[in-house]
Amino acid sequence: MDFSDFYSFIFSQFHELLKSLSVVKPSVNIIEVVILILLLWYFYRKYIKGTQSENLVRGMFVLIFMWIFSELLIKINLQIFGMFIKTLVSVVIFGLIVIFQPELRRFLGYIGQSNFFENVILNRKHFSAKKQKIDVVKELIETIKYLSKSKTGGLIVLQRANSPVNHSDVGTKLDADVSQELLLTIFYPSTPLHDGAVIIEGEKILSAGVLLPLTEDPKLSWRYGTRHRAAIGITETSDCACIVVSEETGDVSIAIDGALKKYEDLGQLKVDLLRILGYEAEVEEQKPAIFNLDKFLSGNKPSPKK
C-alpha cells in the first residue's frame, strides 16, 4: 500500500500550521504548548501509565519520531533512506490496525457513548468498572452451612489487619477473593490443602493448607479433635478468631482467646461473625473492639493452667 500521497498531505498541513504559528505572538505559542503537554501528561498518568497499554503508546511515539526522521532525510536528499524508513513505518502502522482491530472497535464504541465526556472529564466513571464489595460474612455462612451438612472438616482463621497470625507463612499463598466456591474446593477431601487451615484477612484468602499449633492445655476435654485443638492453639498465641467445622459430627464452633463456643443456630453465628469482623460498626454508633464479644464465651472457657 502506497502512503506517499497521504504523508505528503500530512506534511504539507503540518508545514502550513508552522507558518501560521509564526505570525502569532511567541508567548501565546508557549502557553498553548505547555497546556497541550500538561493535558497529554494528565491522560498518560491517569489512564495509561502502569497498564498494558503503556508499551503500546511508547511504540506509537517511536513510530511518529521515525516518520518525522524519514521526512527530514528526504528533505536533505537522502531519498533511499528516507523512503525505506517511511515504508517501514507504513507497514508497521497497517499491521497494528489489523492486529488491534477488536480493541480499536471497543475504543471507538466507548468514545461514542453519550456520557463519554462526563465520564472522562468530570471523572465520574473510569474505563474499568469498580470492583464490587465482597460480602465476606455471606460467603462464610454459605460455606459453613455446606461443610456442616456434608460433615466436611474445615478450619478458617480470621486474621486482623496488621496483625499477622503466627505460622501463617507456612502454607500455600493464594491472595484470592473470598468466595464459597473457592473455600469448598479447598476443603474438599480429595484436594491437597483440605487438611490445613485457611487464613482470611478482610476480603482476601491469604493462604491455605496452613498447619496450626495445637493447644498444650492438659485439661482440655478428650472430645476435642485435632482441628479443635489447633483452633484453640492458634487463638492462644495470636490475636485472631478461628472457625471450626467438625468432620465427625458437623458441629460448628468458633475459638477466641483460647476458648471455644459451639453454635446450634447459624443465625447467631452470623451475628457473631459480623461483630468479630467489625461490620456491625457500620450500623452502630460506637464500633465494638475486634474479637472482643460481650459475654461471648461465658462458661465455655477451659480452666486456667496451673
C-alpha atoms as a PDB file:
ATOM      1  CA  MET A   1       0.000   0.000   0.000  1.00  0.00           C
ATOM      2  CA  ASP A   2       1.405   3.414  -1.058  1.00  0.00           C
ATOM      3  CA  PHE A   3       1.050   6.059   1.632  1.00  0.00           C
ATOM      4  CA  SER A   4       3.211   8.674  -0.139  1.00  0.00           C
ATOM      5  CA  ASP A   5       0.250  10.922  -1.052  1.00  0.00           C
ATOM      6  CA  PHE A   6      -1.169  10.642   2.460  1.00  0.00           C
ATOM      7  CA  TYR A   7       2.142  11.530   4.092  1.00  0.00           C
ATOM      8  CA  SER A   8       2.679  14.415   1.665  1.00  0.00           C
ATOM      9  CA  PHE A   9      -0.707  15.822   2.611  1.00  0.00           C
ATOM     10  CA  ILE A  10       0.013  15.477   6.345  1.00  0.00           C
ATOM     11  CA  PHE A  11       3.439  17.057   5.977  1.00  0.00           C
ATOM     12  CA  SER A  12       2.046  19.975   3.948  1.00  0.00           C
ATOM     13  CA  GLN A  13      -0.632  20.587   6.557  1.00  0.00           C
ATOM     14  CA  PHE A  14       1.971  20.467   9.296  1.00  0.00           C
ATOM     15  CA  HIS A  15       4.137  22.926   7.341  1.00  0.00           C
ATOM     16  CA  GLU A  16       1.188  25.299   6.903  1.00  0.00           C
ATOM     17  CA  LEU A  17       0.465  25.038  10.607  1.00  0.00           C
ATOM     18  CA  LEU A  18       4.032  26.047  11.445  1.00  0.00           C
ATOM     19  CA  LYS A  19       3.798  29.012   9.061  1.00  0.00           C
ATOM     20  CA  SER A  20       0.543  30.138  10.660  1.00  0.00           C
ATOM     21  CA  LEU A  21       2.076  29.910  14.120  1.00  0.00           C
ATOM     22  CA  SER A  22       4.924  32.148  13.058  1.00  0.00           C
ATOM     23  CA  VAL A  23       2.578  35.141  12.916  1.00  0.00           C
ATOM     24  CA  VAL A  24       1.278  34.544  16.435  1.00  0.00           C
ATOM     25  CA  LYS A  25       2.968  36.018  19.459  1.00  0.00           C
ATOM     26  CA  PRO A  26       5.663  33.690  20.883  1.00  0.00           C
ATOM     27  CA  SER A  27       4.176  33.939  24.362  1.00  0.00           C
ATOM     28  CA  VAL A  28       0.860  32.559  23.093  1.00  0.00           C
ATOM     29  CA  ASN A  29       2.653  29.661  21.382  1.00  0.00           C
ATOM     30  CA  ILE A  30       4.486  28.764  24.580  1.00  0.00           C
ATOM     31  CA  ILE A  31       1.270  28.811  26.631  1.00  0.00           C
ATOM     32  CA  GLU A  32      -0.508  26.568  24.124  1.00  0.00           C
ATOM     33  CA  VAL A  33       2.378  24.115  24.042  1.00  0.00           C
ATOM     34  CA  VAL A  34       2.525  23.983  27.846  1.00  0.00           C
ATOM     35  CA  ILE A  35      -1.249  23.366  28.101  1.00  0.00           C
ATOM     36  CA  LEU A  36      -1.053  20.628  25.466  1.00  0.00           C
ATOM     37  CA  ILE A  37       1.837  18.933  27.247  1.00  0.00           C
ATOM     38  CA  LEU A  38       0.013  19.084  30.580  1.00  0.00           C
ATOM     39  CA  LEU A  39      -3.144  17.563  29.068  1.00  0.00           C
ATOM     40  CA  LEU A  40      -1.190  14.736  27.439  1.00  0.00           C
ATOM     41  CA  TRP A  41       0.728  14.099  30.667  1.00  0.00           C
ATOM     42  CA  TYR A  42      -2.534  14.022  32.673  1.00  0.00           C
ATOM     43  CA  PHE A  43      -4.149  11.429  30.401  1.00  0.00           C
ATOM     44  CA  TYR A  44      -0.920   9.426  30.366  1.00  0.00           C
ATOM     45  CA  ARG A  45      -0.650   9.303  34.154  1.00  0.00           C
ATOM     46  CA  LYS A  46      -4.364   8.633  34.723  1.00  0.00           C
ATOM     47  CA  TYR A  47      -5.264   6.129  32.019  1.00  0.00           C
ATOM     48  CA  ILE A  48      -2.057   4.717  30.506  1.00  0.00           C
ATOM     49  CA  LYS A  49       0.830   4.547  32.991  1.00  0.00           C
ATOM     50  CA  GLY A  50       1.120   1.212  34.719  1.00  0.00           C
ATOM     51  CA  THR A  51      -1.277  -0.509  32.312  1.00  0.00           C
ATOM     52  CA  GLN A  52      -0.704  -2.915  29.450  1.00  0.00           C
ATOM     53  CA  SER A  53      -1.210  -0.022  27.017  1.00  0.00           C
ATOM     54  CA  GLU A  54       1.889   1.832  28.235  1.00  0.00           C
ATOM     55  CA  ASN A  55       4.320  -0.030  25.979  1.00  0.00           C
ATOM     56  CA  LEU A  56       1.940   0.372  23.033  1.00  0.00           C
ATOM     57  CA  VAL A  57       1.836   4.162  23.495  1.00  0.00           C
ATOM     58  CA  ARG A  58       5.616   4.293  23.706  1.00  0.00           C
ATOM     59  CA  GLY A  59       5.802   2.331  20.473  1.00  0.00           C
ATOM     60  CA  MET A  60       3.454   4.828  18.811  1.00  0.00           C
ATOM     61  CA  PHE A  61       5.738   7.711  19.796  1.00  0.00           C
ATOM     62  CA  VAL A  62       8.691   5.819  18.329  1.00  0.00           C
ATOM     63  CA  LEU A  63       6.787   5.418  15.040  1.00  0.00           C
ATOM     64  CA  ILE A  64       5.946   9.147  14.998  1.00  0.00           C
ATOM     65  CA  PHE A  65       9.589  10.006  15.604  1.00  0.00           C
ATOM     66  CA  MET A  66      10.696   7.639  12.801  1.00  0.00           C
ATOM     67  CA  TRP A  67       8.171   9.213  10.402  1.00  0.00           C
ATOM     68  CA  ILE A  68       9.437  12.736  11.168  1.00  0.00           C
ATOM     69  CA  PHE A  69      13.015  11.497  10.820  1.00  0.00           C
ATOM     70  CA  SER A  70      12.244   9.969   7.424  1.00  0.00           C
ATOM     71  CA  GLU A  71      10.811  13.295   6.198  1.00  0.00           C
ATOM     72  CA  LEU A  72      13.981  15.055   7.313  1.00  0.00           C
ATOM     73  CA  LEU A  73      16.102  12.525   5.416  1.00  0.00           C
ATOM     74  CA  ILE A  74      14.073  13.117   2.279  1.00  0.00           C
ATOM     75  CA  LYS A  75      14.452  16.900   2.654  1.00  0.00           C
ATOM     76  CA  ILE A  76      18.270  16.593   2.738  1.00  0.00           C
ATOM     77  CA  ASN A  77      18.214  14.435  -0.408  1.00  0.00           C
ATOM     78  CA  LEU A  78      18.726  11.069   1.332  1.00  0.00           C
ATOM     79  CA  GLN A  79      15.819   9.683  -0.639  1.00  0.00           C
ATOM     80  CA  ILE A  80      16.595   5.961  -0.298  1.00  0.00           C
ATOM     81  CA  PHE A  81      16.993   6.002   3.488  1.00  0.00           C
ATOM     82  CA  GLY A  82      14.004   8.279   3.924  1.00  0.00           C
ATOM     83  CA  MET A  83      11.663   6.215   1.736  1.00  0.00           C
ATOM     84  CA  PHE A  84      12.849   2.987   3.364  1.00  0.00           C
ATOM     85  CA  ILE A  85      12.039   4.237   6.871  1.00  0.00           C
ATOM     86  CA  LYS A  86       8.736   5.744   5.707  1.00  0.00           C
ATOM     87  CA  THR A  87       7.690   2.474   4.047  1.00  0.00           C
ATOM     88  CA  LEU A  88       8.676   0.520   7.155  1.00  0.00           C
ATOM     89  CA  VAL A  89       6.584   2.800   9.358  1.00  0.00           C
ATOM     90  CA  SER A  90       3.631   2.453   6.963  1.00  0.00           C
ATOM     91  CA  VAL A  91       3.781  -1.346   7.092  1.00  0.00           C
ATOM     92  CA  VAL A  92       4.005  -1.343  10.889  1.00  0.00           C
ATOM     93  CA  ILE A  93       1.040   1.046  11.228  1.00  0.00           C
ATOM     94  CA  PHE A  94      -1.054  -1.043   8.858  1.00  0.00           C
ATOM     95  CA  GLY A  95      -0.132  -4.187  10.815  1.00  0.00           C
ATOM     96  CA  LEU A  96      -1.105  -2.558  14.115  1.00  0.00           C
ATOM     97  CA  ILE A  97      -4.511  -1.616  12.709  1.00  0.00           C
ATOM     98  CA  VAL A  98      -5.120  -5.236  11.701  1.00  0.00           C
ATOM     99  CA  ILE A  99      -3.786  -6.741  14.963  1.00  0.00           C
ATOM    100  CA  PHE A 100      -5.622  -4.362  17.305  1.00  0.00           C
ATOM    101  CA  GLN A 101      -8.858  -4.202  15.318  1.00  0.00           C
ATOM    102  CA  PRO A 102     -11.051  -5.572  18.195  1.00  0.00           C
ATOM    103  CA  GLU A 103      -9.512  -3.136  20.699  1.00  0.00           C
ATOM    104  CA  LEU A 104      -9.972  -0.214  18.298  1.00  0.00           C
ATOM    105  CA  ARG A 105     -13.610  -1.199  17.762  1.00  0.00           C
ATOM    106  CA  ARG A 106     -14.250  -1.258  21.518  1.00  0.00           C
ATOM    107  CA  PHE A 107     -12.450   2.068  21.995  1.00  0.00           C
ATOM    108  CA  LEU A 108     -14.434   3.782  19.234  1.00  0.00           C
ATOM    109  CA  GLY A 109     -17.632   2.386  20.715  1.00  0.00           C
ATOM    110  CA  TYR A 110     -16.651   3.732  24.129  1.00  0.00           C
ATOM    111  CA  ILE A 111     -15.886   7.279  22.955  1.00  0.00           C
ATOM    112  CA  GLY A 112     -19.159   7.209  21.002  1.00  0.00           C
ATOM    113  CA  GLN A 113     -21.173   6.931  24.196  1.00  0.00           C
ATOM    114  CA  SER A 114     -23.328   9.910  25.069  1.00  0.00           C
ATOM    115  CA  ASN A 115     -21.737  10.285  28.520  1.00  0.00           C
ATOM    116  CA  PHE A 116     -18.127   9.910  27.373  1.00  0.00           C
ATOM    117  CA  PHE A 117     -17.028  13.460  28.239  1.00  0.00           C
ATOM    118  CA  GLU A 118     -18.910  13.303  31.536  1.00  0.00           C
ATOM    119  CA  ASN A 119     -17.096  10.103  32.466  1.00  0.00           C
ATOM    120  CA  VAL A 120     -13.606  11.219  31.444  1.00  0.00           C
ATOM    121  CA  ILE A 121     -13.514  14.960  32.100  1.00  0.00           C
ATOM    122  CA  LEU A 122     -15.682  15.037  35.231  1.00  0.00           C
ATOM    123  CA  ASN A 123     -14.067  11.790  36.457  1.00  0.00           C
ATOM    124  CA  ARG A 124     -17.403  10.219  37.384  1.00  0.00           C
ATOM    125  CA  LYS A 125     -16.503   6.906  35.916  1.00  0.00           C
ATOM    126  CA  HIS A 126     -13.280   5.155  34.937  1.00  0.00           C
ATOM    127  CA  PHE A 127     -12.633   2.944  31.945  1.00  0.00           C
ATOM    128  CA  SER A 128     -12.722  -0.117  34.177  1.00  0.00           C
ATOM    129  CA  ALA A 129     -15.711  -0.765  36.399  1.00  0.00           C
ATOM    130  CA  LYS A 130     -15.132  -0.599  40.122  1.00  0.00           C
ATOM    131  CA  LYS A 131     -14.856  -3.876  41.872  1.00  0.00           C
ATOM    132  CA  GLN A 132     -17.923  -4.790  43.871  1.00  0.00           C
ATOM    133  CA  LYS A 133     -17.507  -5.249  47.589  1.00  0.00           C
ATOM    134  CA  ILE A 134     -17.499  -8.865  48.689  1.00  0.00           C
ATOM    135  CA  ASP A 135     -19.991  -9.962  51.355  1.00  0.00           C
ATOM    136  CA  VAL A 136     -17.490 -11.955  53.398  1.00  0.00           C
ATOM    137  CA  VAL A 137     -19.997 -12.960  56.084  1.00  0.00           C
ATOM    138  CA  LYS A 138     -22.433 -14.323  53.491  1.00  0.00           C
ATOM    139  CA  GLU A 139     -19.700 -16.330  51.781  1.00  0.00           C
ATOM    140  CA  LEU A 140     -18.546 -17.739  55.121  1.00  0.00           C
ATOM    141  CA  ILE A 141     -22.057 -18.638  56.259  1.00  0.00           C
ATOM    142  CA  GLU A 142     -22.852 -20.452  52.998  1.00  0.00           C
ATOM    143  CA  THR A 143     -19.542 -22.303  53.183  1.00  0.00           C
ATOM    144  CA  ILE A 144     -20.045 -23.326  56.813  1.00  0.00           C
ATOM    145  CA  LYS A 145     -23.612 -24.434  56.120  1.00  0.00           C
ATOM    146  CA  TYR A 146     -22.466 -26.788  53.349  1.00  0.00           C
ATOM    147  CA  LEU A 147     -19.490 -28.108  55.325  1.00  0.00           C
ATOM    148  CA  SER A 148     -21.669 -28.795  58.358  1.00  0.00           C
ATOM    149  CA  LYS A 149     -24.399 -30.521  56.331  1.00  0.00           C
ATOM    150  CA  SER A 150     -21.940 -32.717  54.440  1.00  0.00           C
ATOM    151  CA  LYS A 151     -19.786 -33.307  57.559  1.00  0.00           C
ATOM    152  CA  THR A 152     -16.683 -31.989  55.833  1.00  0.00           C
ATOM    153  CA  GLY A 153     -13.956 -30.756  58.141  1.00  0.00           C
ATOM    154  CA  GLY A 154     -12.953 -27.097  57.911  1.00  0.00           C
ATOM    155  CA  LEU A 155     -10.633 -24.698  59.690  1.00  0.00           C
ATOM    156  CA  ILE A 156     -10.869 -20.963  58.895  1.00  0.00           C
ATOM    157  CA  VAL A 157      -8.706 -18.370  60.649  1.00  0.00           C
ATOM    158  CA  LEU A 158      -9.978 -14.763  60.645  1.00  0.00           C
ATOM    159  CA  GLN A 159      -6.900 -12.577  60.862  1.00  0.00           C
ATOM    160  CA  ARG A 160      -6.891  -8.935  61.909  1.00  0.00           C
ATOM    161  CA  ALA A 161      -5.360  -6.334  59.617  1.00  0.00           C
ATOM    162  CA  ASN A 162      -1.747  -5.503  60.522  1.00  0.00           C
ATOM    163  CA  SER A 163      -1.719  -8.379  63.000  1.00  0.00           C
ATOM    164  CA  PRO A 164      -0.452 -11.454  61.134  1.00  0.00           C
ATOM    165  CA  VAL A 165      -1.193 -14.860  62.553  1.00  0.00           C
ATOM    166  CA  ASN A 166       1.743 -16.925  63.753  1.00  0.00           C
ATOM    167  CA  HIS A 167       2.597 -19.728  61.305  1.00  0.00           C
ATOM    168  CA  SER A 168       0.517 -18.017  58.577  1.00  0.00           C
ATOM    169  CA  ASP A 169       3.545 -18.066  56.277  1.00  0.00           C
ATOM    170  CA  VAL A 170       3.651 -21.892  56.436  1.00  0.00           C
ATOM    171  CA  GLY A 171       1.224 -22.801  53.698  1.00  0.00           C
ATOM    172  CA  THR A 172       0.293 -22.162  50.078  1.00  0.00           C
ATOM    173  CA  LYS A 173      -0.030 -18.476  49.192  1.00  0.00           C
ATOM    174  CA  LEU A 174      -3.290 -17.631  47.417  1.00  0.00           C
ATOM    175  CA  ASP A 175      -4.163 -13.925  47.833  1.00  0.00           C
ATOM    176  CA  ALA A 176      -7.591 -14.632  46.324  1.00  0.00           C
ATOM    177  CA  ASP A 177     -11.022 -13.109  46.882  1.00  0.00           C
ATOM    178  CA  VAL A 178     -13.180 -14.824  49.497  1.00  0.00           C
ATOM    179  CA  SER A 179     -15.808 -16.990  47.817  1.00  0.00           C
ATOM    180  CA  GLN A 180     -17.883 -20.009  48.750  1.00  0.00           C
ATOM    181  CA  GLU A 181     -16.730 -21.919  45.669  1.00  0.00           C
ATOM    182  CA  LEU A 182     -13.038 -21.464  46.436  1.00  0.00           C
ATOM    183  CA  LEU A 183     -13.402 -22.368  50.121  1.00  0.00           C
ATOM    184  CA  LEU A 184     -15.400 -25.519  49.331  1.00  0.00           C
ATOM    185  CA  THR A 185     -12.809 -26.518  46.757  1.00  0.00           C
ATOM    186  CA  ILE A 186     -10.006 -26.089  49.300  1.00  0.00           C
ATOM    187  CA  PHE A 187     -11.756 -28.186  51.963  1.00  0.00           C
ATOM    188  CA  TYR A 188     -12.880 -30.917  49.559  1.00  0.00           C
ATOM    189  CA  PRO A 189     -11.392 -34.153  50.970  1.00  0.00           C
ATOM    190  CA  SER A 190      -9.530 -35.081  47.780  1.00  0.00           C
ATOM    191  CA  THR A 191      -7.599 -31.804  47.486  1.00  0.00           C
ATOM    192  CA  PRO A 192      -4.027 -31.411  48.812  1.00  0.00           C
ATOM    193  CA  LEU A 193      -4.921 -28.415  51.008  1.00  0.00           C
ATOM    194  CA  HIS A 194      -8.010 -29.759  52.792  1.00  0.00           C
ATOM    195  CA  ASP A 195      -6.212 -30.839  55.978  1.00  0.00           C
ATOM    196  CA  GLY A 196      -4.764 -27.412  56.777  1.00  0.00           C
ATOM    197  CA  ALA A 197      -6.306 -24.104  57.761  1.00  0.00           C
ATOM    198  CA  VAL A 198      -7.325 -21.169  55.579  1.00  0.00           C
ATOM    199  CA  ILE A 199      -6.134 -17.691  56.581  1.00  0.00           C
ATOM    200  CA  ILE A 200      -8.540 -14.843  55.756  1.00  0.00           C
ATOM    201  CA  GLU A 201      -7.877 -11.132  56.150  1.00  0.00           C
ATOM    202  CA  GLY A 202     -10.556  -8.691  55.039  1.00  0.00           C
ATOM    203  CA  GLU A 203     -11.897  -9.844  51.678  1.00  0.00           C
ATOM    204  CA  LYS A 204      -8.847 -11.949  50.801  1.00  0.00           C
ATOM    205  CA  ILE A 205      -7.858 -15.565  51.349  1.00  0.00           C
ATOM    206  CA  LEU A 206      -4.164 -15.129  52.065  1.00  0.00           C
ATOM    207  CA  SER A 207      -3.107 -18.772  52.247  1.00  0.00           C
ATOM    208  CA  ALA A 208      -4.384 -22.326  52.577  1.00  0.00           C
ATOM    209  CA  GLY A 209      -3.035 -25.616  53.869  1.00  0.00           C
ATOM    210  CA  VAL A 210      -1.580 -23.865  56.923  1.00  0.00           C
ATOM    211  CA  LEU A 211      -0.554 -26.132  59.809  1.00  0.00           C
ATOM    212  CA  LEU A 212      -1.564 -24.567  63.120  1.00  0.00           C
ATOM    213  CA  PRO A 213       0.000 -25.231  66.529  1.00  0.00           C
ATOM    214  CA  LEU A 214      -2.033 -27.455  68.857  1.00  0.00           C
ATOM    215  CA  THR A 215      -3.006 -26.307  72.328  1.00  0.00           C
ATOM    216  CA  GLU A 216      -0.940 -27.688  75.176  1.00  0.00           C
ATOM    217  CA  ASP A 217      -3.689 -27.402  77.786  1.00  0.00           C
ATOM    218  CA  PRO A 218      -3.720 -30.790  79.566  1.00  0.00           C
ATOM    219  CA  LYS A 219      -7.225 -30.212  80.980  1.00  0.00           C
ATOM    220  CA  LEU A 220      -8.897 -29.834  77.611  1.00  0.00           C
ATOM    221  CA  SER A 221     -11.646 -32.361  77.082  1.00  0.00           C
ATOM    222  CA  TRP A 222     -10.779 -35.537  75.185  1.00  0.00           C
ATOM    223  CA  ARG A 223     -13.812 -34.906  72.981  1.00  0.00           C
ATOM    224  CA  TYR A 224     -11.953 -32.203  71.059  1.00  0.00           C
ATOM    225  CA  GLY A 225     -10.202 -33.466  67.945  1.00  0.00           C
ATOM    226  CA  THR A 226      -7.138 -32.160  66.134  1.00  0.00           C
ATOM    227  CA  ARG A 227      -8.968 -29.339  64.363  1.00  0.00           C
ATOM    228  CA  HIS A 228     -10.471 -28.025  67.612  1.00  0.00           C
ATOM    229  CA  ARG A 229      -7.114 -28.241  69.387  1.00  0.00           C
ATOM    230  CA  ALA A 230      -5.477 -26.377  66.505  1.00  0.00           C
ATOM    231  CA  ALA A 231      -8.161 -23.665  66.610  1.00  0.00           C
ATOM    232  CA  ILE A 232      -7.689 -23.190  70.352  1.00  0.00           C
ATOM    233  CA  GLY A 233      -3.908 -23.312  69.972  1.00  0.00           C
ATOM    234  CA  ILE A 234      -3.681 -20.580  67.324  1.00  0.00           C
ATOM    235  CA  THR A 235      -6.001 -18.255  69.269  1.00  0.00           C
ATOM    236  CA  GLU A 236      -3.845 -18.718  72.372  1.00  0.00           C
ATOM    237  CA  THR A 237      -0.775 -17.365  70.567  1.00  0.00           C
ATOM    238  CA  SER A 238      -2.307 -14.934  68.027  1.00  0.00           C
ATOM    239  CA  ASP A 239      -4.893 -12.138  68.025  1.00  0.00           C
ATOM    240  CA  CYS A 240      -7.407 -13.853  65.761  1.00  0.00           C
ATOM    241  CA  ALA A 241     -10.591 -15.920  65.632  1.00  0.00           C
ATOM    242  CA  CYS A 242     -10.867 -19.433  64.234  1.00  0.00           C
ATOM    243  CA  ILE A 243     -13.943 -21.192  62.831  1.00  0.00           C
ATOM    244  CA  VAL A 244     -14.034 -24.993  63.159  1.00  0.00           C
ATOM    245  CA  VAL A 245     -16.330 -27.462  61.426  1.00  0.00           C
ATOM    246  CA  SER A 246     -16.150 -30.984  62.840  1.00  0.00           C
ATOM    247  CA  GLU A 247     -15.638 -33.780  60.339  1.00  0.00           C
ATOM    248  CA  GLU A 248     -17.277 -36.365  62.635  1.00  0.00           C
ATOM    249  CA  THR A 249     -20.383 -34.500  63.782  1.00  0.00           C
ATOM    250  CA  GLY A 250     -20.645 -31.428  61.530  1.00  0.00           C
ATOM    251  CA  ASP A 251     -20.721 -29.175  64.609  1.00  0.00           C
ATOM    252  CA  VAL A 252     -19.663 -25.542  64.121  1.00  0.00           C
ATOM    253  CA  SER A 253     -17.561 -23.691  66.702  1.00  0.00           C
ATOM    254  CA  ILE A 254     -15.513 -20.511  66.993  1.00  0.00           C
ATOM    255  CA  ALA A 255     -12.348 -20.190  69.067  1.00  0.00           C
ATOM    256  CA  ILE A 256     -11.207 -16.864  70.523  1.00  0.00           C
ATOM    257  CA  ASP A 257      -8.529 -16.230  73.147  1.00  0.00           C
ATOM    258  CA  GLY A 258      -8.084 -19.953  73.738  1.00  0.00           C
ATOM    259  CA  ALA A 259     -11.792 -20.582  74.386  1.00  0.00           C
ATOM    260  CA  LEU A 260     -14.316 -22.409  72.238  1.00  0.00           C
ATOM    261  CA  LYS A 261     -18.000 -21.702  71.608  1.00  0.00           C
ATOM    262  CA  LYS A 262     -20.300 -24.153  69.841  1.00  0.00           C
ATOM    263  CA  TYR A 263     -23.182 -22.973  67.643  1.00  0.00           C
ATOM    264  CA  GLU A 264     -26.506 -24.671  67.074  1.00  0.00           C
ATOM    265  CA  ASP A 265     -28.022 -21.749  65.163  1.00  0.00           C
ATOM    266  CA  LEU A 266     -26.419 -20.249  62.038  1.00  0.00           C
ATOM    267  CA  GLY A 267     -28.327 -17.028  62.700  1.00  0.00           C
ATOM    268  CA  GLN A 268     -26.423 -16.465  65.928  1.00  0.00           C
ATOM    269  CA  LEU A 269     -23.212 -17.443  64.145  1.00  0.00           C
ATOM    270  CA  LYS A 270     -23.846 -14.728  61.549  1.00  0.00           C
ATOM    271  CA  VAL A 271     -24.436 -12.123  64.265  1.00  0.00           C
ATOM    272  CA  ASP A 272     -21.171 -13.027  65.982  1.00  0.00           C
ATOM    273  CA  LEU A 273     -19.244 -13.040  62.684  1.00  0.00           C
ATOM    274  CA  LEU A 274     -20.484  -9.525  61.969  1.00  0.00           C
ATOM    275  CA  ARG A 275     -19.157  -8.415  65.328  1.00  0.00           C
ATOM    276  CA  ILE A 276     -15.898 -10.355  65.001  1.00  0.00           C
ATOM    277  CA  LEU A 277     -15.140  -8.869  61.577  1.00  0.00           C
ATOM    278  CA  GLY A 278     -16.182  -5.383  62.679  1.00  0.00           C
ATOM    279  CA  TYR A 279     -19.017  -4.996  60.161  1.00  0.00           C
ATOM    280  CA  GLU A 280     -21.549  -4.273  62.908  1.00  0.00           C
ATOM    281  CA  ALA A 281     -19.760  -0.957  63.415  1.00  0.00           C
ATOM    282  CA  GLU A 282     -21.318   0.329  60.193  1.00  0.00           C
ATOM    283  CA  VAL A 283     -24.753   0.442  61.822  1.00  0.00           C
ATOM    284  CA  GLU A 284     -23.780   1.051  65.435  1.00  0.00           C
ATOM    285  CA  GLU A 285     -22.892   4.439  66.872  1.00  0.00           C
ATOM    286  CA  GLN A 286     -19.801   3.047  68.528  1.00  0.00           C
ATOM    287  CA  LYS A 287     -17.640   0.388  66.928  1.00  0.00           C
ATOM    288  CA  PRO A 288     -17.023  -2.612  69.180  1.00  0.00           C
ATOM    289  CA  ALA A 289     -13.498  -3.854  69.644  1.00  0.00           C
ATOM    290  CA  ILE A 290     -12.482  -6.515  67.152  1.00  0.00           C
ATOM    291  CA  PHE A 291     -12.559 -10.016  68.603  1.00  0.00           C
ATOM    292  CA  ASN A 292     -13.995  -8.717  71.877  1.00  0.00           C
ATOM    293  CA  LEU A 293     -17.544 -10.065  72.126  1.00  0.00           C
ATOM    294  CA  ASP A 294     -19.730  -9.203  75.110  1.00  0.00           C
ATOM    295  CA  LYS A 295     -20.177 -12.354  77.191  1.00  0.00           C
ATOM    296  CA  PHE A 296     -19.001 -14.296  74.145  1.00  0.00           C
ATOM    297  CA  LEU A 297     -17.643 -17.317  75.914  1.00  0.00           C
ATOM    298  CA  SER A 298     -19.189 -17.166  79.349  1.00  0.00           C
ATOM    299  CA  GLY A 299     -18.929 -20.599  80.884  1.00  0.00           C
ATOM    300  CA  ASN A 300     -17.108 -22.109  77.887  1.00  0.00           C
ATOM    301  CA  LYS A 301     -13.517 -21.148  78.577  1.00  0.00           C
ATOM    302  CA  PRO A 302     -11.274 -24.023  79.740  1.00  0.00           C
ATOM    303  CA  SER A 303      -9.828 -23.952  83.199  1.00  0.00           C
ATOM    304  CA  PRO A 304      -6.636 -21.862  83.533  1.00  0.00           C
ATOM    305  CA  LYS A 305      -3.320 -23.646  83.544  1.00  0.00           C
ATOM    306  CA  LYS A 306      -1.537 -24.169  86.773  1.00  0.00           C
END
